[in-house]
């Protein structure tokens, strides 16, 4: 996520030279591109951390620092 981002609620995923915006509510790729395997891993991670993603989006709106979210193991 980036401070001062815009709705809909989303996060950014970067994989090598690829970059995509992923919706927090439905994990849809809103913009950009990720290879299918990378996108699948991002969706798996987002599903495990949806509450944390929502909380960080709320923190961003309130101009508070983000809380770290663990990587996919």
PDB file of N, CA and C in Angstrom:
ATOM      1  N   UNK A   1       0.840  -1.174   0.000  1.00  0.00           N
ATOM      2  CA  UNK A   1       0.000   0.000   0.000  1.00  0.00           C
ATOM      3  C   UNK A   1       0.882   1.233   0.000  1.00  0.00           C
ATOM      4  N   UNK A   2       0.328   2.291  -0.528  1.00  0.00           N
ATOM      5  CA  UNK A   2       1.017   3.570  -0.526  1.00  0.00           C
ATOM      6  C   UNK A   2       0.131   4.571   0.198  1.00  0.00           C
ATOM      7  N   UNK A   3       0.756   5.452   0.987  1.00  0.00           N
ATOM      8  CA  UNK A   3      -0.019   6.503   1.632  1.00  0.00           C
ATOM      9  C   UNK A   3      -0.686   7.373   0.577  1.00  0.00           C
ATOM     10  N   UNK A   4      -1.844   7.909   0.912  1.00  0.00           N
ATOM     11  CA  UNK A   4      -2.635   8.760   0.022  1.00  0.00           C
ATOM     12  C   UNK A   4      -3.119   8.007  -1.209  1.00  0.00           C
ATOM     13  N   UNK A   5      -3.291   6.688  -1.095  1.00  0.00           N
ATOM     14  CA  UNK A   5      -3.835   5.906  -2.203  1.00  0.00           C
ATOM     15  C   UNK A   5      -5.332   6.176  -2.297  1.00  0.00           C
ATOM     16  N   UNK A   6      -5.986   5.633  -3.260  1.00  0.00           N
ATOM     17  CA  UNK A   6      -7.385   5.935  -3.560  1.00  0.00           C
ATOM     18  C   UNK A   6      -8.218   4.657  -3.507  1.00  0.00           C
ATOM     19  N   UNK A   7      -9.524   4.826  -3.421  1.00  0.00           N
ATOM     20  CA  UNK A   7     -10.446   3.688  -3.442  1.00  0.00           C
ATOM     21  C   UNK A   7     -10.538   3.140  -4.849  1.00  0.00           C
ATOM     22  N   UNK A   8     -10.885   1.885  -5.015  1.00  0.00           N
ATOM     23  CA  UNK A   8     -11.258   0.900  -4.013  1.00  0.00           C
ATOM     24  C   UNK A   8     -10.038   0.444  -3.217  1.00  0.00           C
ATOM     25  N   UNK A   9     -10.308  -0.128  -2.039  1.00  0.00           N
ATOM     26  CA  UNK A   9      -9.232  -0.609  -1.181  1.00  0.00           C
ATOM     27  C   UNK A   9      -8.410  -1.652  -1.943  1.00  0.00           C
ATOM     28  N   UNK A  10      -7.101  -1.464  -1.951  1.00  0.00           N
ATOM     29  CA  UNK A  10      -6.227  -2.360  -2.702  1.00  0.00           C
ATOM     30  C   UNK A  10      -4.816  -2.323  -2.134  1.00  0.00           C
ATOM     31  N   UNK A  11      -3.993  -3.230  -2.608  1.00  0.00           N
ATOM     32  CA  UNK A  11      -2.570  -3.222  -2.299  1.00  0.00           C
ATOM     33  C   UNK A  11      -1.814  -3.467  -3.594  1.00  0.00           C
ATOM     34  N   UNK A  12      -0.541  -3.193  -3.567  1.00  0.00           N
ATOM     35  CA  UNK A  12       0.302  -3.361  -4.742  1.00  0.00           C
ATOM     36  C   UNK A  12       1.174  -4.595  -4.557  1.00  0.00           C
ATOM     37  N   UNK A  13       1.281  -5.387  -5.597  1.00  0.00           N
ATOM     38  CA  UNK A  13       2.135  -6.575  -5.580  1.00  0.00           C
ATOM     39  C   UNK A  13       3.183  -6.408  -6.678  1.00  0.00           C
ATOM     40  N   UNK A  14       4.431  -6.656  -6.314  1.00  0.00           N
ATOM     41  CA  UNK A  14       5.544  -6.537  -7.264  1.00  0.00           C
ATOM     42  C   UNK A  14       6.248  -7.884  -7.338  1.00  0.00           C
ATOM     43  N   UNK A  15       6.459  -8.345  -8.559  1.00  0.00           N
ATOM     44  CA  UNK A  15       7.149  -9.610  -8.803  1.00  0.00           C
ATOM     45  C   UNK A  15       8.084  -9.393  -9.983  1.00  0.00           C
ATOM     46  N   UNK A  16       9.390  -9.296  -9.695  1.00  0.00           N
ATOM     47  CA  UNK A  16      10.340  -9.004 -10.768  1.00  0.00           C
ATOM     48  C   UNK A  16       9.990  -7.689 -11.434  1.00  0.00           C
ATOM     49  N   UNK A  17       9.842  -7.715 -12.743  1.00  0.00           N
ATOM     50  CA  UNK A  17       9.495  -6.492 -13.480  1.00  0.00           C
ATOM     51  C   UNK A  17       7.984  -6.255 -13.547  1.00  0.00           C
ATOM     52  N   UNK A  18       7.197  -7.134 -12.937  1.00  0.00           N
ATOM     53  CA  UNK A  18       5.738  -7.030 -12.993  1.00  0.00           C
ATOM     54  C   UNK A  18       5.203  -6.329 -11.742  1.00  0.00           C
ATOM     55  N   UNK A  19       4.118  -5.609 -11.927  1.00  0.00           N
ATOM     56  CA  UNK A  19       3.503  -4.849 -10.843  1.00  0.00           C
ATOM     57  C   UNK A  19       2.000  -4.863 -11.071  1.00  0.00           C
ATOM     58  N   UNK A  20       1.241  -5.075  -9.996  1.00  0.00           N
ATOM     59  CA  UNK A  20      -0.217  -5.103 -10.128  1.00  0.00           C
ATOM     60  C   UNK A  20      -0.861  -4.510  -8.888  1.00  0.00           C
ATOM     61  N   UNK A  21      -2.058  -3.964  -9.071  1.00  0.00           N
ATOM     62  CA  UNK A  21      -2.913  -3.527  -7.973  1.00  0.00           C
ATOM     63  C   UNK A  21      -3.960  -4.608  -7.769  1.00  0.00           C
ATOM     64  N   UNK A  22      -4.094  -5.074  -6.520  1.00  0.00           N
ATOM     65  CA  UNK A  22      -5.006  -6.164  -6.191  1.00  0.00           C
ATOM     66  C   UNK A  22      -6.050  -5.648  -5.207  1.00  0.00           C
ATOM     67  N   UNK A  23      -7.325  -5.868  -5.511  1.00  0.00           N
ATOM     68  CA  UNK A  23      -8.407  -5.452  -4.625  1.00  0.00           C
ATOM     69  C   UNK A  23      -8.407  -6.255  -3.337  1.00  0.00           C
ATOM     70  N   UNK A  24      -8.590  -5.575  -2.213  1.00  0.00           N
ATOM     71  CA  UNK A  24      -8.600  -6.262  -0.920  1.00  0.00           C
ATOM     72  C   UNK A  24      -9.885  -7.070  -0.740  1.00  0.00           C
ATOM     73  N   UNK A  25     -10.996  -6.575  -1.207  1.00  0.00           N
ATOM     74  CA  UNK A  25     -12.273  -7.253  -0.963  1.00  0.00           C
ATOM     75  C   UNK A  25     -12.458  -8.520  -1.789  1.00  0.00           C
ATOM     76  N   UNK A  26     -12.005  -8.499  -3.041  1.00  0.00           N
ATOM     77  CA  UNK A  26     -12.277  -9.647  -3.919  1.00  0.00           C
ATOM     78  C   UNK A  26     -11.026 -10.222  -4.584  1.00  0.00           C
ATOM     79  N   UNK A  27      -9.870  -9.662  -4.277  1.00  0.00           N
ATOM     80  CA  UNK A  27      -8.577 -10.116  -4.829  1.00  0.00           C
ATOM     81  C   UNK A  27      -8.523 -10.015  -6.356  1.00  0.00           C
ATOM     82  N   UNK A  28      -9.342  -9.152  -6.917  1.00  0.00           N
ATOM     83  CA  UNK A  28      -9.299  -8.941  -8.366  1.00  0.00           C
ATOM     84  C   UNK A  28      -8.065  -8.116  -8.731  1.00  0.00           C
ATOM     85  N   UNK A  29      -7.488  -8.418  -9.885  1.00  0.00           N
ATOM     86  CA  UNK A  29      -6.385  -7.617 -10.381  1.00  0.00           C
ATOM     87  C   UNK A  29      -6.991  -6.352 -11.001  1.00  0.00           C
ATOM     88  N   UNK A  30      -6.782  -5.221 -10.353  1.00  0.00           N
ATOM     89  CA  UNK A  30      -7.390  -3.965 -10.782  1.00  0.00           C
ATOM     90  C   UNK A  30      -6.589  -3.273 -11.870  1.00  0.00           C
ATOM     91  N   UNK A  31      -5.286  -3.498 -11.855  1.00  0.00           N
ATOM     92  CA  UNK A  31      -4.417  -2.847 -12.832  1.00  0.00           C
ATOM     93  C   UNK A  31      -3.103  -3.601 -12.861  1.00  0.00           C
ATOM     94  N   UNK A  32      -2.424  -3.559 -13.975  1.00  0.00           N
ATOM     95  CA  UNK A  32      -1.128  -4.196 -14.093  1.00  0.00           C
ATOM     96  C   UNK A  32      -1.240  -5.666 -14.451  1.00  0.00           C
ATOM     97  N   UNK A  33      -0.146  -6.381 -14.190  1.00  0.00           N
ATOM     98  CA  UNK A  33      -0.080  -7.795 -14.559  1.00  0.00           C
ATOM     99  C   UNK A  33       0.882  -8.519 -13.635  1.00  0.00           C
ATOM    100  N   UNK A  34       0.539  -9.741 -13.280  1.00  0.00           N
ATOM    101  CA  UNK A  34       1.432 -10.691 -12.629  1.00  0.00           C
ATOM    102  C   UNK A  34       1.292 -12.015 -13.360  1.00  0.00           C
ATOM    103  N   UNK A  35       2.377 -12.763 -13.514  1.00  0.00           N
ATOM    104  CA  UNK A  35       2.247 -14.096 -14.099  1.00  0.00           C
ATOM    105  C   UNK A  35       1.282 -14.934 -13.254  1.00  0.00           C
ATOM    106  N   UNK A  36       0.573 -15.867 -13.864  1.00  0.00           N
ATOM    107  CA  UNK A  36      -0.453 -16.632 -13.149  1.00  0.00           C
ATOM    108  C   UNK A  36       0.014 -17.265 -11.834  1.00  0.00           C
ATOM    109  N   UNK A  37       1.188 -17.890 -11.815  1.00  0.00           N
ATOM    110  CA  UNK A  37       1.664 -18.523 -10.573  1.00  0.00           C
ATOM    111  C   UNK A  37       1.896 -17.476  -9.484  1.00  0.00           C
ATOM    112  N   UNK A  38       2.501 -16.352  -9.837  1.00  0.00           N
ATOM    113  CA  UNK A  38       2.735 -15.277  -8.863  1.00  0.00           C
ATOM    114  C   UNK A  38       1.403 -14.723  -8.363  1.00  0.00           C
ATOM    115  N   UNK A  39       0.451 -14.517  -9.260  1.00  0.00           N
ATOM    116  CA  UNK A  39      -0.856 -14.008  -8.869  1.00  0.00           C
ATOM    117  C   UNK A  39      -1.536 -14.976  -7.911  1.00  0.00           C
ATOM    118  N   UNK A  40      -1.425 -16.268  -8.177  1.00  0.00           N
ATOM    119  CA  UNK A  40      -2.010 -17.281  -7.305  1.00  0.00           C
ATOM    120  C   UNK A  40      -1.414 -17.203  -5.894  1.00  0.00           C
ATOM    121  N   UNK A  41      -0.107 -17.030  -5.800  1.00  0.00           N
ATOM    122  CA  UNK A  41       0.541 -16.911  -4.489  1.00  0.00           C
ATOM    123  C   UNK A  41       0.121 -15.635  -3.770  1.00  0.00           C
ATOM    124  N   UNK A  42      -0.023 -14.549  -4.506  1.00  0.00           N
ATOM    125  CA  UNK A  42      -0.469 -13.282  -3.915  1.00  0.00           C
ATOM    126  C   UNK A  42      -1.885 -13.435  -3.369  1.00  0.00           C
ATOM    127  N   UNK A  43      -2.770 -14.077  -4.111  1.00  0.00           N
ATOM    128  CA  UNK A  43      -4.150 -14.283  -3.659  1.00  0.00           C
ATOM    129  C   UNK A  43      -4.170 -15.183  -2.423  1.00  0.00           C
ATOM    130  N   UNK A  44      -3.335 -16.214  -2.409  1.00  0.00           N
ATOM    131  CA  UNK A  44      -3.254 -17.081  -1.229  1.00  0.00           C
ATOM    132  C   UNK A  44      -2.828 -16.270  -0.006  1.00  0.00           C
ATOM    133  N   UNK A  45      -1.776 -15.448  -0.159  1.00  0.00           N
ATOM    134  CA  UNK A  45      -1.281 -14.603   0.926  1.00  0.00           C
ATOM    135  C   UNK A  45      -2.360 -13.620   1.385  1.00  0.00           C
ATOM    136  N   UNK A  46      -3.019 -12.968   0.425  1.00  0.00           N
ATOM    137  CA  UNK A  46      -4.048 -11.984   0.767  1.00  0.00           C
ATOM    138  C   UNK A  46      -5.200 -12.629   1.532  1.00  0.00           C
ATOM    139  N   UNK A  47      -5.574 -13.835   1.156  1.00  0.00           N
ATOM    140  CA  UNK A  47      -6.642 -14.537   1.856  1.00  0.00           C
ATOM    141  C   UNK A  47      -6.285 -14.820   3.302  1.00  0.00           C
ATOM    142  N   UNK A  48      -5.021 -15.129   3.544  1.00  0.00           N
ATOM    143  CA  UNK A  48      -4.568 -15.399   4.909  1.00  0.00           C
ATOM    144  C   UNK A  48      -4.479 -14.128   5.757  1.00  0.00           C
ATOM    145  N   UNK A  49      -4.327 -12.990   5.092  1.00  0.00           N
ATOM    146  CA  UNK A  49      -4.071 -11.732   5.801  1.00  0.00           C
ATOM    147  C   UNK A  49      -5.107 -10.647   5.502  1.00  0.00           C
ATOM    148  N   UNK A  50      -6.296 -11.054   5.095  1.00  0.00           N
ATOM    149  CA  UNK A  50      -7.305 -10.067   4.706  1.00  0.00           C
ATOM    150  C   UNK A  50      -7.599  -9.075   5.830  1.00  0.00           C
ATOM    151  N   UNK A  51      -7.765  -9.563   7.055  1.00  0.00           N
ATOM    152  CA  UNK A  51      -8.066  -8.654   8.165  1.00  0.00           C
ATOM    153  C   UNK A  51      -6.948  -7.637   8.374  1.00  0.00           C
ATOM    154  N   UNK A  52      -5.708  -8.079   8.221  1.00  0.00           N
ATOM    155  CA  UNK A  52      -4.576  -7.169   8.366  1.00  0.00           C
ATOM    156  C   UNK A  52      -4.523  -6.160   7.222  1.00  0.00           C
ATOM    157  N   UNK A  53      -4.862  -6.594   6.023  1.00  0.00           N
ATOM    158  CA  UNK A  53      -4.900  -5.677   4.882  1.00  0.00           C
ATOM    159  C   UNK A  53      -5.974  -4.607   5.079  1.00  0.00           C
ATOM    160  N   UNK A  54      -7.150  -5.037   5.538  1.00  0.00           N
ATOM    161  CA  UNK A  54      -8.238  -4.080   5.800  1.00  0.00           C
ATOM    162  C   UNK A  54      -7.811  -3.098   6.893  1.00  0.00           C
ATOM    163  N   UNK A  55      -7.193  -3.619   7.952  1.00  0.00           N
ATOM    164  CA  UNK A  55      -6.742  -2.761   9.043  1.00  0.00           C
ATOM    165  C   UNK A  55      -5.699  -1.752   8.556  1.00  0.00           C
ATOM    166  N   UNK A  56      -4.778  -2.190   7.697  1.00  0.00           N
ATOM    167  CA  UNK A  56      -3.780  -1.260   7.168  1.00  0.00           C
ATOM    168  C   UNK A  56      -4.412  -0.230   6.248  1.00  0.00           C
ATOM    169  N   UNK A  57      -5.425  -0.616   5.492  1.00  0.00           N
ATOM    170  CA  UNK A  57      -6.123   0.359   4.644  1.00  0.00           C
ATOM    171  C   UNK A  57      -6.769   1.423   5.534  1.00  0.00           C
ATOM    172  N   UNK A  58      -7.404   0.987   6.616  1.00  0.00           N
ATOM    173  CA  UNK A  58      -8.013   1.933   7.560  1.00  0.00           C
ATOM    174  C   UNK A  58      -6.950   2.828   8.192  1.00  0.00           C
ATOM    175  N   UNK A  59      -5.790   2.264   8.510  1.00  0.00           N
ATOM    176  CA  UNK A  59      -4.698   3.056   9.077  1.00  0.00           C
ATOM    177  C   UNK A  59      -4.214   4.087   8.061  1.00  0.00           C
ATOM    178  N   UNK A  60      -4.143   3.713   6.799  1.00  0.00           N
ATOM    179  CA  UNK A  60      -3.699   4.644   5.758  1.00  0.00           C
ATOM    180  C   UNK A  60      -4.656   5.823   5.663  1.00  0.00           C
ATOM    181  N   UNK A  61      -5.960   5.552   5.722  1.00  0.00           N
ATOM    182  CA  UNK A  61      -6.950   6.631   5.641  1.00  0.00           C
ATOM    183  C   UNK A  61      -6.779   7.601   6.815  1.00  0.00           C
ATOM    184  N   UNK A  62      -6.425   7.062   7.982  1.00  0.00           N
ATOM    185  CA  UNK A  62      -6.244   7.887   9.185  1.00  0.00           C
ATOM    186  C   UNK A  62      -4.836   8.478   9.274  1.00  0.00           C
ATOM    187  N   UNK A  63      -4.031   8.228   8.231  1.00  0.00           N
ATOM    188  CA  UNK A  63      -2.656   8.726   8.168  1.00  0.00           C
ATOM    189  C   UNK A  63      -1.788   8.192   9.316  1.00  0.00           C
ATOM    190  N   UNK A  64      -2.027   6.936   9.664  1.00  0.00           N
ATOM    191  CA  UNK A  64      -1.231   6.242  10.664  1.00  0.00           C
ATOM    192  C   UNK A  64      -0.261   5.308   9.953  1.00  0.00           C
ATOM    193  N   UNK A  65       0.852   4.955  10.587  1.00  0.00           N
ATOM    194  CA  UNK A  65       1.794   4.032   9.939  1.00  0.00           C
ATOM    195  C   UNK A  65       1.190   2.641   9.763  1.00  0.00           C
ATOM    196  N   UNK A  66       1.624   1.974   8.722  1.00  0.00           N
ATOM    197  CA  UNK A  66       1.178   0.611   8.459  1.00  0.00           C
ATOM    198  C   UNK A  66       1.745  -0.349   9.496  1.00  0.00           C
ATOM    199  N   UNK A  67       1.026  -1.415   9.751  1.00  0.00           N
ATOM    200  CA  UNK A  67       1.532  -2.520  10.565  1.00  0.00           C
ATOM    201  C   UNK A  67       2.126  -3.555   9.617  1.00  0.00           C
ATOM    202  N   UNK A  68       3.256  -4.148   9.971  1.00  0.00           N
ATOM    203  CA  UNK A  68       3.854  -5.166   9.099  1.00  0.00           C
ATOM    204  C   UNK A  68       2.941  -6.383   8.961  1.00  0.00           C
ATOM    205  N   UNK A  69       2.991  -7.004   7.799  1.00  0.00           N
ATOM    206  CA  UNK A  69       2.243  -8.233   7.534  1.00  0.00           C
ATOM    207  C   UNK A  69       3.254  -9.296   7.120  1.00  0.00           C
ATOM    208  N   UNK A  70       3.136 -10.460   7.737  1.00  0.00           N
ATOM    209  CA  UNK A  70       4.081 -11.545   7.470  1.00  0.00           C
ATOM    210  C   UNK A  70       3.993 -12.023   6.026  1.00  0.00           C
ATOM    211  N   UNK A  71       5.120 -12.461   5.474  1.00  0.00           N
ATOM    212  CA  UNK A  71       5.111 -13.013   4.120  1.00  0.00           C
ATOM    213  C   UNK A  71       4.494 -14.409   4.108  1.00  0.00           C
ATOM    214  N   UNK A  72       4.228 -14.918   2.927  1.00  0.00           N
ATOM    215  CA  UNK A  72       3.741 -16.276   2.759  1.00  0.00           C
ATOM    216  C   UNK A  72       4.875 -17.240   3.077  1.00  0.00           C
ATOM    217  N   UNK A  73       4.600 -18.233   3.888  1.00  0.00           N
ATOM    218  CA  UNK A  73       5.651 -19.189   4.259  1.00  0.00           C
ATOM    219  C   UNK A  73       5.449 -20.503   3.547  1.00  0.00           C
TER     220      UNK A  73
END
